[in-house]
Structure formats: C-alpha cells, structure tokens
Amino acid sequence: MNTLLDVMEYNKEISNNQNNQTYKINCTKCLFFSITWDKTAPRACSIFNFKGYDYPSKTVLEVTGKNCISFKPKKF
C-alpha cells in the first residue's frame, strides 16, 4: 500500500523533472481517483477526501494555483 510519504516523494521527482512548469494531470490514470454514484458530484479523490463535478486535479489547480501533488499512476 502506498503511503502519503511515498506519494510526496514520487511527486517531488515529477516537479523536479518539470522545472515548475504547469502540466495537465489526467485524474482517470491516478490511483486515488474514483467515480461516485452522486449525479451532482460524480468524481472523487480519496487522498484529499472530496468529490465534485469537475475532475479533482482541476479543483486543486483552481484552489491552490498549483498542480496536484498527490498524483500517483495506477498500476495496470
């Protein structure tokens, strides 16, 4: 199981590689993304513990002004 520390370390590597450039995160490929049965809030993020109509990465970017630091790719 991934811990928050693992997620933070992984995303630290991503941010170092991106040189602080803004990039689009695909929530559907994230381990923490889920779909809900709620028609008004069909998308959720288990790391931030919220759900909404927009993708969680968009909400995080709008609120913080930075990309989501908790993105962790799913293992297929």
N, C-alpha and C. Protein backbone atom coordinates (compact mmCIF):
# COMPACT_ATOMS: atom_id res chain seq x y z
N MET A 1 0.84 -1.18 0.00
CA MET A 1 0.00 0.00 0.00
C MET A 1 0.89 1.25 0.00
N ASN A 2 0.46 2.24 -0.73
CA ASN A 2 1.22 3.48 -0.82
C ASN A 2 0.91 4.39 0.34
N THR A 3 1.94 4.95 0.91
CA THR A 3 1.74 5.90 1.99
C THR A 3 1.80 7.31 1.42
N LEU A 4 1.36 8.25 2.21
CA LEU A 4 1.40 9.65 1.77
C LEU A 4 2.85 10.08 1.52
N LEU A 5 3.78 9.55 2.31
CA LEU A 5 5.19 9.87 2.12
C LEU A 5 5.68 9.38 0.76
N ASP A 6 5.25 8.17 0.34
CA ASP A 6 5.61 7.66 -0.98
C ASP A 6 5.08 8.56 -2.08
N VAL A 7 3.86 9.00 -1.92
CA VAL A 7 3.22 9.89 -2.90
C VAL A 7 3.98 11.20 -2.99
N MET A 8 4.32 11.77 -1.85
CA MET A 8 5.03 13.04 -1.83
C MET A 8 6.41 12.91 -2.49
N GLU A 9 7.10 11.80 -2.24
CA GLU A 9 8.41 11.58 -2.83
C GLU A 9 8.30 11.43 -4.35
N TYR A 10 7.30 10.67 -4.80
CA TYR A 10 7.08 10.48 -6.23
C TYR A 10 6.80 11.83 -6.91
N ASN A 11 5.94 12.63 -6.31
CA ASN A 11 5.59 13.91 -6.90
C ASN A 11 6.71 14.93 -6.82
N LYS A 12 7.59 14.78 -5.85
CA LYS A 12 8.77 15.63 -5.78
C LYS A 12 9.65 15.38 -7.00
N GLU A 13 9.77 14.11 -7.38
CA GLU A 13 10.53 13.76 -8.58
C GLU A 13 9.89 14.36 -9.82
N ILE A 14 8.56 14.29 -9.91
CA ILE A 14 7.85 14.86 -11.05
C ILE A 14 8.10 16.36 -11.14
N SER A 15 7.96 17.06 -10.00
CA SER A 15 8.12 18.52 -10.03
C SER A 15 9.55 18.91 -10.37
N ASN A 16 10.53 18.13 -9.93
CA ASN A 16 11.92 18.42 -10.29
C ASN A 16 12.14 18.24 -11.78
N ASN A 17 11.50 17.24 -12.37
CA ASN A 17 11.64 16.99 -13.80
C ASN A 17 10.92 18.03 -14.64
N GLN A 18 9.87 18.60 -14.11
CA GLN A 18 9.07 19.55 -14.87
C GLN A 18 9.58 20.98 -14.74
N ASN A 19 10.53 21.22 -13.87
CA ASN A 19 11.08 22.57 -13.66
C ASN A 19 9.98 23.59 -13.37
N ASN A 20 9.03 23.17 -12.51
CA ASN A 20 7.94 24.03 -12.08
C ASN A 20 7.03 24.50 -13.22
N GLN A 21 6.99 23.77 -14.31
CA GLN A 21 6.08 24.11 -15.40
C GLN A 21 4.71 23.52 -15.10
N THR A 22 3.67 24.23 -15.54
CA THR A 22 2.32 23.72 -15.37
C THR A 22 2.07 22.63 -16.39
N TYR A 23 1.53 21.52 -15.94
CA TYR A 23 1.20 20.41 -16.82
C TYR A 23 -0.15 19.86 -16.42
N LYS A 24 -0.84 19.26 -17.37
CA LYS A 24 -2.17 18.75 -17.10
C LYS A 24 -2.09 17.33 -16.53
N ILE A 25 -2.81 17.10 -15.46
CA ILE A 25 -2.85 15.80 -14.82
C ILE A 25 -4.13 15.09 -15.24
N ASN A 26 -4.00 13.84 -15.64
CA ASN A 26 -5.16 13.04 -16.03
C ASN A 26 -5.61 12.24 -14.81
N CYS A 27 -6.64 12.70 -14.14
CA CYS A 27 -7.13 12.05 -12.92
C CYS A 27 -7.55 10.61 -13.15
N THR A 28 -8.04 10.29 -14.34
CA THR A 28 -8.52 8.94 -14.58
C THR A 28 -7.38 7.92 -14.52
N LYS A 29 -6.15 8.37 -14.60
CA LYS A 29 -5.00 7.48 -14.51
C LYS A 29 -4.36 7.50 -13.13
N CYS A 30 -5.01 8.17 -12.18
CA CYS A 30 -4.49 8.29 -10.82
C CYS A 30 -5.06 7.21 -9.91
N LEU A 31 -4.23 6.70 -9.05
CA LEU A 31 -4.61 5.66 -8.09
C LEU A 31 -5.71 6.13 -7.13
N PHE A 32 -5.75 7.41 -6.83
CA PHE A 32 -6.67 7.94 -5.83
C PHE A 32 -7.99 8.45 -6.40
N PHE A 33 -8.15 8.40 -7.72
CA PHE A 33 -9.37 8.87 -8.38
C PHE A 33 -10.44 7.79 -8.33
N SER A 34 -11.69 8.21 -8.15
CA SER A 34 -12.80 7.26 -8.19
C SER A 34 -14.06 7.94 -8.73
N ILE A 35 -14.98 7.11 -9.19
CA ILE A 35 -16.27 7.57 -9.68
C ILE A 35 -17.30 7.28 -8.59
N THR A 36 -18.21 8.24 -8.37
CA THR A 36 -19.25 8.06 -7.36
C THR A 36 -20.61 7.88 -8.03
N TRP A 37 -21.61 7.52 -7.24
CA TRP A 37 -22.97 7.38 -7.74
C TRP A 37 -23.73 8.70 -7.66
N ASP A 38 -23.14 9.71 -7.08
CA ASP A 38 -23.77 11.01 -6.90
C ASP A 38 -23.78 11.76 -8.23
N LYS A 39 -24.95 12.05 -8.78
CA LYS A 39 -25.04 12.73 -10.07
C LYS A 39 -24.51 14.16 -10.02
N THR A 40 -24.59 14.81 -8.87
CA THR A 40 -24.11 16.19 -8.75
C THR A 40 -22.62 16.26 -8.47
N ALA A 41 -22.04 15.14 -8.03
CA ALA A 41 -20.60 15.09 -7.74
C ALA A 41 -20.06 13.72 -8.14
N PRO A 42 -19.91 13.48 -9.45
CA PRO A 42 -19.57 12.14 -9.91
C PRO A 42 -18.09 11.74 -9.80
N ARG A 43 -17.21 12.67 -9.48
CA ARG A 43 -15.78 12.37 -9.42
C ARG A 43 -15.24 12.64 -8.03
N ALA A 44 -14.32 11.77 -7.57
CA ALA A 44 -13.81 11.92 -6.20
C ALA A 44 -12.31 11.65 -6.14
N CYS A 45 -11.69 12.19 -5.09
CA CYS A 45 -10.29 11.97 -4.80
C CYS A 45 -10.17 11.46 -3.37
N SER A 46 -9.65 10.26 -3.21
CA SER A 46 -9.56 9.68 -1.86
C SER A 46 -8.42 10.27 -1.04
N ILE A 47 -7.42 10.83 -1.66
CA ILE A 47 -6.31 11.45 -0.92
C ILE A 47 -6.78 12.76 -0.28
N PHE A 48 -7.50 13.58 -1.02
CA PHE A 48 -7.98 14.86 -0.49
C PHE A 48 -9.36 14.74 0.15
N ASN A 49 -9.99 13.56 -0.01
CA ASN A 49 -11.27 13.27 0.61
C ASN A 49 -12.37 14.27 0.22
N PHE A 50 -12.51 14.51 -1.08
CA PHE A 50 -13.62 15.34 -1.56
C PHE A 50 -14.13 14.79 -2.89
N LYS A 51 -15.33 15.23 -3.24
CA LYS A 51 -15.90 14.85 -4.52
C LYS A 51 -16.54 16.08 -5.14
N GLY A 52 -16.69 16.06 -6.47
CA GLY A 52 -17.26 17.20 -7.15
C GLY A 52 -17.59 16.87 -8.59
N TYR A 53 -18.10 17.86 -9.30
CA TYR A 53 -18.47 17.66 -10.69
C TYR A 53 -17.24 17.65 -11.60
N ASP A 54 -16.29 18.55 -11.33
CA ASP A 54 -15.06 18.62 -12.12
C ASP A 54 -14.07 17.56 -11.66
N TYR A 55 -13.06 17.34 -12.49
CA TYR A 55 -12.00 16.42 -12.09
C TYR A 55 -11.26 17.03 -10.90
N PRO A 56 -10.84 16.21 -9.94
CA PRO A 56 -10.16 16.74 -8.75
C PRO A 56 -8.92 17.58 -9.06
N SER A 57 -8.15 17.20 -10.08
CA SER A 57 -6.94 17.97 -10.40
C SER A 57 -7.29 19.40 -10.81
N LYS A 58 -8.42 19.57 -11.48
CA LYS A 58 -8.86 20.91 -11.88
C LYS A 58 -9.23 21.74 -10.65
N THR A 59 -9.93 21.11 -9.71
CA THR A 59 -10.31 21.79 -8.48
C THR A 59 -9.08 22.19 -7.68
N VAL A 60 -8.11 21.29 -7.57
CA VAL A 60 -6.88 21.59 -6.83
C VAL A 60 -6.15 22.76 -7.49
N LEU A 61 -6.05 22.76 -8.81
CA LEU A 61 -5.39 23.85 -9.53
C LEU A 61 -6.10 25.18 -9.32
N GLU A 62 -7.43 25.18 -9.36
CA GLU A 62 -8.20 26.41 -9.16
C GLU A 62 -8.05 26.95 -7.73
N VAL A 63 -8.02 26.07 -6.76
CA VAL A 63 -7.97 26.49 -5.36
C VAL A 63 -6.56 26.90 -4.94
N THR A 64 -5.55 26.10 -5.32
CA THR A 64 -4.19 26.37 -4.85
C THR A 64 -3.33 27.13 -5.84
N GLY A 65 -3.70 27.09 -7.11
CA GLY A 65 -2.88 27.72 -8.13
C GLY A 65 -1.71 26.84 -8.56
N LYS A 66 -1.67 25.60 -8.03
CA LYS A 66 -0.60 24.66 -8.36
C LYS A 66 -1.21 23.33 -8.77
N ASN A 67 -0.43 22.55 -9.50
CA ASN A 67 -0.89 21.22 -9.90
C ASN A 67 -1.00 20.31 -8.68
N CYS A 68 -1.81 19.29 -8.82
CA CYS A 68 -1.99 18.31 -7.76
C CYS A 68 -0.66 17.61 -7.47
N ILE A 69 -0.27 17.60 -6.20
CA ILE A 69 0.99 16.96 -5.82
C ILE A 69 0.80 15.51 -5.40
N SER A 70 -0.44 15.03 -5.41
CA SER A 70 -0.71 13.68 -4.93
C SER A 70 -0.94 12.67 -6.05
N PHE A 71 -0.71 13.07 -7.29
CA PHE A 71 -0.92 12.14 -8.40
C PHE A 71 0.02 10.94 -8.28
N LYS A 72 -0.57 9.77 -8.38
CA LYS A 72 0.19 8.50 -8.37
C LYS A 72 -0.42 7.63 -9.46
N PRO A 73 0.36 7.23 -10.47
CA PRO A 73 -0.21 6.44 -11.56
C PRO A 73 -0.71 5.08 -11.08
N LYS A 74 -1.82 4.64 -11.69
CA LYS A 74 -2.35 3.32 -11.40
C LYS A 74 -1.42 2.27 -12.02
N LYS A 75 -1.36 1.12 -11.39
CA LYS A 75 -0.59 0.01 -11.96
C LYS A 75 -1.57 -0.88 -12.70
N PHE A 76 -1.37 -1.03 -13.99
CA PHE A 76 -2.27 -1.84 -14.81
C PHE A 76 -1.72 -3.22 -15.00
